[in-house]
Amino acid sequence: MNNRCYLVIEARSETASFRIPEYHNYHKTLPLPPPTTIAGVAGAALGLNFEATQEYFINNEIFLGVSGKSKGFFSDLWKICITVSIKGKRFATSSVIRREFLFRNSYFLVFGGEKAVISEMKQAFLYPKFALTMGNSDSLLLIKDVTILNDMLPKTERRLENCLVKGSHKGSKTLEGMEAGKLYRYSTFQTPQVYNLPILFDCHNDQTRSVAKRQEYSFIGNMVILDEEQDVIEYKGLKIPIFLYG
C-alpha cells in the first residue's frame, strides 16, 4: 500500500458519447466514461490494443476513478449502411440511429498503482502513442494537466458528487441544502443512475470478444450521502472514488 501512488489526468473534450451496450437504434449515453473507456484511454496512450490493455490493468492491479461535468447533451441522427443475410443471400440496406452526445466536458481521471507503473503511464499521457478519444473517434480528448500524487493513502467519504462509484447506490440520500430567501441558478437534478456494465471480456482468435464479467456501477451527479464509505482521492477540492479495475 505504501508504494502505491496516483496519477491524475485533467482533460477536456468538446463532445463525448458512451453508449449503453443494450441500446442499439437509440444510443443513449452514460453520464461519465465507464471503467472500460477509462482503461481504453490509458491503453491508447500506451499504444496497446484492447486485449493488451485489459491484461495490463489486471496484471498491474490498477485502480481507477473519474470525476466529471458536462454542459449538457444533444442528439445526433446518423444514417448507417448495414448488410443482412436472408437464406444465405446477403443484402445491403440502411437504417437510422439516434445517438446522444455530451458537450463541453471536463474530466479528472485517476489511476493508482505501483510507482514504476504510474511513472510509465505518466510518460504515456505526456506523449501518447495513439489519439485519445472519449467514446467515439470524433470526440478527441485534450490533456490539460498530468500530476503524480506520491505515497498518498486514500481517505474515506460518504458525501460525493459528479463521480463514478462501484456498486448500486440507488437508495442514497440526496442533499438539497436549499435555503429560504437565497437565489439559486437552475440546473438539471439527477439521482444516482445504476447500470450493470461489461467490465471484462474474453478475446477470441477471430478478432471478436464476448463479455466475461459484468459489474454494477453508480453514476452520481448531484451530491448524495452514500450508505457506505468509499475510498477517495482528494485533488483540487474534488473527492474522487477509486476502485480496482476488473
Protein backbone atom coordinates (compact mmCIF):
# COMPACT_ATOMS: atom_id res chain seq x y z
CA MET A 1 0.00 0.00 0.00
CA ASN A 2 2.78 2.48 0.86
CA ASN A 3 4.37 2.03 -2.59
CA ARG A 4 1.18 2.99 -4.38
CA CYS A 5 0.90 6.39 -5.98
CA TYR A 6 -1.77 8.01 -8.10
CA LEU A 7 -1.81 9.67 -11.48
CA VAL A 8 -4.41 12.41 -12.02
CA ILE A 9 -5.23 13.45 -15.59
CA GLU A 10 -7.12 16.71 -16.06
CA ALA A 11 -8.72 16.69 -19.50
CA ARG A 12 -11.35 18.32 -21.71
CA SER A 13 -13.43 17.26 -24.70
CA GLU A 14 -15.94 19.18 -26.79
CA THR A 15 -18.10 16.09 -27.23
CA ALA A 16 -18.31 12.61 -25.72
CA SER A 17 -20.61 9.62 -26.07
CA PHE A 18 -20.56 6.39 -24.06
CA ARG A 19 -23.18 4.03 -25.45
CA ILE A 20 -25.02 1.75 -23.04
CA PRO A 21 -24.44 -1.76 -24.51
CA GLU A 22 -28.13 -2.72 -24.54
CA TYR A 23 -29.14 0.31 -26.64
CA HIS A 24 -28.99 -0.14 -30.42
CA ASN A 25 -31.09 2.15 -32.66
CA TYR A 26 -31.13 4.73 -29.87
CA HIS A 27 -27.60 5.20 -28.49
CA LYS A 28 -28.24 6.63 -25.05
CA THR A 29 -25.03 7.86 -23.41
CA LEU A 30 -23.76 7.25 -19.90
CA PRO A 31 -23.13 10.47 -17.95
CA LEU A 32 -19.43 9.63 -17.40
CA PRO A 33 -16.92 7.32 -19.07
CA PRO A 34 -17.30 3.72 -17.79
CA PRO A 35 -14.27 1.77 -16.48
CA THR A 36 -13.58 0.14 -19.87
CA THR A 37 -13.41 3.57 -21.55
CA ILE A 38 -11.11 4.97 -18.86
CA ALA A 39 -8.80 1.98 -19.25
CA GLY A 40 -9.04 2.31 -23.03
CA VAL A 41 -7.83 5.92 -22.92
CA ALA A 42 -4.76 4.83 -20.96
CA GLY A 43 -4.25 1.90 -23.32
CA ALA A 44 -4.31 4.25 -26.32
CA ALA A 45 -1.72 6.47 -24.66
CA LEU A 46 0.47 3.40 -24.05
CA GLY A 47 -0.02 2.14 -27.60
CA LEU A 48 -1.85 -1.05 -26.56
CA ASN A 49 -4.76 -2.79 -28.24
CA PHE A 50 -7.89 -3.77 -26.30
CA GLU A 51 -6.72 -7.23 -25.20
CA ALA A 52 -3.28 -5.95 -24.13
CA THR A 53 -4.87 -3.05 -22.23
CA GLN A 54 -7.09 -5.41 -20.25
CA GLU A 55 -4.11 -7.61 -19.35
CA TYR A 56 -2.02 -4.56 -18.41
CA PHE A 57 -4.62 -3.27 -15.96
CA ILE A 58 -5.33 -6.66 -14.38
CA ASN A 59 -1.70 -7.78 -14.08
CA ASN A 60 -0.64 -4.46 -12.54
CA GLU A 61 -3.71 -4.24 -10.24
CA ILE A 62 -4.50 -0.69 -11.30
CA PHE A 63 -7.15 1.37 -9.53
CA LEU A 64 -9.44 3.74 -11.45
CA GLY A 65 -11.51 6.79 -10.65
CA VAL A 66 -13.27 9.57 -12.54
CA SER A 67 -14.93 12.88 -11.75
CA GLY A 68 -16.51 14.99 -14.45
CA LYS A 69 -19.08 17.50 -15.60
CA SER A 70 -20.81 18.35 -18.87
CA LYS A 71 -22.58 21.50 -20.01
CA GLY A 72 -25.42 19.41 -21.43
CA PHE A 73 -26.24 16.89 -24.13
CA PHE A 74 -27.73 16.73 -27.62
CA SER A 75 -28.91 14.05 -30.05
CA ASP A 76 -27.49 13.42 -33.50
CA LEU A 77 -29.17 11.43 -36.29
CA TRP A 78 -26.94 9.01 -38.18
CA LYS A 79 -27.76 7.07 -41.34
CA ILE A 80 -25.83 3.81 -41.43
CA CYS A 81 -25.34 1.14 -44.09
CA ILE A 82 -25.70 -2.46 -42.97
CA THR A 83 -25.57 -5.88 -44.59
CA VAL A 84 -28.16 -8.54 -43.74
CA SER A 85 -28.20 -12.22 -44.62
CA ILE A 86 -31.51 -13.93 -45.57
CA LYS A 87 -31.48 -17.62 -46.53
CA GLY A 88 -27.82 -17.47 -47.40
CA LYS A 89 -28.12 -14.36 -49.56
CA ARG A 90 -26.62 -11.03 -48.45
CA PHE A 91 -28.40 -7.72 -49.00
CA ALA A 92 -27.25 -4.17 -48.38
CA THR A 93 -29.69 -1.86 -46.64
CA SER A 94 -29.68 1.25 -44.47
CA SER A 95 -31.03 2.33 -41.11
CA VAL A 96 -31.24 5.45 -38.96
CA ILE A 97 -29.95 5.67 -35.40
CA ARG A 98 -30.10 8.47 -32.86
CA ARG A 99 -27.06 8.98 -30.67
CA GLU A 100 -26.71 11.15 -27.59
CA PHE A 101 -23.60 13.29 -27.11
CA LEU A 102 -22.40 15.19 -24.05
CA PHE A 103 -20.78 18.53 -24.86
CA ARG A 104 -18.11 20.77 -23.29
CA ASN A 105 -16.92 18.13 -20.88
CA SER A 106 -14.29 18.34 -18.17
CA TYR A 107 -12.79 15.22 -16.60
CA PHE A 108 -10.40 14.21 -13.86
CA LEU A 109 -9.17 10.65 -14.45
CA VAL A 110 -7.33 8.83 -11.65
CA PHE A 111 -5.04 5.79 -11.99
CA GLY A 112 -3.49 4.14 -8.94
CA GLY A 113 -0.71 1.55 -8.81
CA GLU A 114 2.95 0.85 -8.18
CA LYS A 115 5.33 3.77 -8.75
CA ALA A 116 7.02 2.23 -11.79
CA VAL A 117 3.67 1.58 -13.50
CA ILE A 118 2.31 5.05 -12.73
CA SER A 119 5.53 6.65 -13.97
CA GLU A 120 5.17 4.73 -17.24
CA MET A 121 1.56 5.86 -17.59
CA LYS A 122 2.51 9.47 -16.92
CA GLN A 123 5.01 9.43 -19.78
CA ALA A 124 2.40 7.82 -22.00
CA PHE A 125 -0.12 10.62 -21.34
CA LEU A 126 2.55 13.25 -21.95
CA TYR A 127 3.50 11.60 -25.26
CA PRO A 128 0.55 9.37 -26.28
CA LYS A 129 1.12 6.70 -28.94
CA PHE A 130 -2.45 6.89 -30.32
CA ALA A 131 -5.07 9.64 -30.40
CA LEU A 132 -7.07 9.88 -27.15
CA THR A 133 -10.84 9.92 -27.51
CA MET A 134 -13.94 9.87 -25.32
CA GLY A 135 -16.21 7.11 -26.60
CA ASN A 136 -16.05 7.57 -30.36
CA SER A 137 -13.27 8.51 -32.76
CA ASP A 138 -14.56 12.07 -33.36
CA SER A 139 -14.53 13.02 -29.66
CA LEU A 140 -10.88 13.96 -29.18
CA LEU A 141 -9.59 14.37 -25.63
CA LEU A 142 -7.35 17.31 -24.75
CA ILE A 143 -4.93 16.69 -21.86
CA LYS A 144 -4.66 19.82 -19.72
CA ASP A 145 -2.52 18.59 -16.82
CA VAL A 146 -0.75 15.41 -15.69
CA THR A 147 0.06 15.07 -11.97
CA ILE A 148 1.50 12.28 -9.82
CA LEU A 149 0.49 12.08 -6.16
CA ASN A 150 3.23 10.10 -4.41
CA ASP A 151 2.70 7.84 -1.38
CA MET A 152 -0.86 9.01 -0.86
CA LEU A 153 -3.25 6.95 1.24
CA PRO A 154 -6.91 7.18 0.19
CA LYS A 155 -9.39 8.72 2.59
CA THR A 156 -12.96 7.57 3.15
CA GLU A 157 -16.02 9.65 2.29
CA ARG A 158 -19.79 9.29 2.02
CA ARG A 159 -20.69 12.69 0.53
CA LEU A 160 -19.97 12.53 -3.20
CA GLU A 161 -20.94 14.26 -6.43
CA ASN A 162 -20.13 14.14 -10.16
CA CYS A 163 -18.32 10.82 -9.99
CA LEU A 164 -18.47 7.07 -10.64
CA VAL A 165 -18.86 4.60 -7.76
CA LYS A 166 -18.65 0.81 -7.90
CA GLY A 167 -21.86 -0.98 -6.85
CA SER A 168 -25.52 0.04 -6.69
CA HIS A 169 -26.30 3.17 -4.67
CA LYS A 170 -29.84 4.00 -5.82
CA GLY A 171 -31.08 4.47 -2.26
CA SER A 172 -28.56 7.16 -1.36
CA LYS A 173 -29.85 10.31 0.32
CA THR A 174 -29.85 13.40 -1.84
CA LEU A 175 -28.59 16.65 -0.34
CA GLU A 176 -30.85 19.52 -1.25
CA GLY A 177 -29.42 22.23 1.01
CA MET A 178 -31.96 24.82 -0.17
CA GLU A 179 -32.28 27.93 1.99
CA ALA A 180 -35.22 30.32 2.05
CA GLY A 181 -34.55 33.75 0.54
CA LYS A 182 -31.37 32.64 -1.25
CA LEU A 183 -31.01 32.95 -5.04
CA TYR A 184 -30.19 29.71 -6.90
CA ARG A 185 -29.24 29.08 -10.51
CA TYR A 186 -31.35 26.40 -12.17
CA SER A 187 -29.62 23.15 -13.09
CA THR A 188 -30.85 19.70 -14.05
CA PHE A 189 -31.31 17.47 -11.00
CA GLN A 190 -30.40 13.79 -11.20
CA THR A 191 -30.45 10.96 -8.70
CA PRO A 192 -27.73 8.27 -8.97
CA GLN A 193 -28.05 6.19 -12.13
CA VAL A 194 -27.12 2.50 -11.81
CA TYR A 195 -26.06 0.34 -14.78
CA ASN A 196 -24.87 -3.26 -14.99
CA LEU A 197 -21.91 -2.83 -17.35
CA PRO A 198 -19.45 -5.22 -19.01
CA ILE A 199 -16.09 -4.96 -17.27
CA LEU A 200 -14.05 -7.94 -18.55
CA PHE A 201 -14.05 -9.64 -21.94
CA ASP A 202 -12.84 -12.88 -23.49
CA CYS A 203 -10.97 -12.18 -26.73
CA HIS A 204 -11.18 -14.82 -29.48
CA ASN A 205 -8.93 -15.74 -32.39
CA ASP A 206 -11.40 -14.40 -34.97
CA GLN A 207 -10.98 -10.87 -33.50
CA THR A 208 -14.35 -11.00 -31.74
CA ARG A 209 -14.89 -10.71 -27.99
CA SER A 210 -17.56 -11.76 -25.55
CA VAL A 211 -18.50 -10.46 -22.12
CA ALA A 212 -16.75 -12.40 -19.33
CA LYS A 213 -17.90 -10.32 -16.35
CA ARG A 214 -20.39 -7.58 -15.52
CA GLN A 215 -20.47 -5.20 -12.57
CA GLU A 216 -22.96 -2.61 -11.33
CA TYR A 217 -21.77 0.99 -11.23
CA SER A 218 -23.49 4.12 -9.94
CA PHE A 219 -23.14 7.36 -11.88
CA ILE A 220 -23.56 10.17 -9.35
CA GLY A 221 -24.46 13.71 -10.39
CA ASN A 222 -25.90 15.90 -7.63
CA MET A 223 -24.36 15.49 -4.21
CA VAL A 224 -25.58 12.47 -2.26
CA ILE A 225 -24.83 10.71 1.03
CA LEU A 226 -23.97 7.05 0.44
CA ASP A 227 -24.83 4.32 2.93
CA GLU A 228 -21.24 3.03 2.82
CA GLU A 229 -17.99 4.98 2.91
CA GLN A 230 -15.86 4.91 -0.24
CA ASP A 231 -12.12 5.17 -0.71
CA VAL A 232 -11.43 8.52 -2.36
CA ILE A 233 -8.50 10.56 -3.62
CA GLU A 234 -8.67 14.30 -2.87
CA TYR A 235 -7.41 16.59 -5.60
CA LYS A 236 -8.13 20.30 -6.15
CA GLY A 237 -11.08 20.11 -3.76
CA LEU A 238 -12.57 17.07 -5.52
CA LYS A 239 -13.23 13.74 -3.83
CA ILE A 240 -12.80 11.05 -6.47
CA PRO A 241 -13.78 7.46 -5.54
CA ILE A 242 -11.34 4.76 -6.64
CA PHE A 243 -11.86 1.05 -7.27
CA LEU A 244 -9.80 -1.83 -8.61
CA TYR A 245 -10.25 -2.46 -12.33
CA GLY A 246 -11.99 -5.74 -13.06
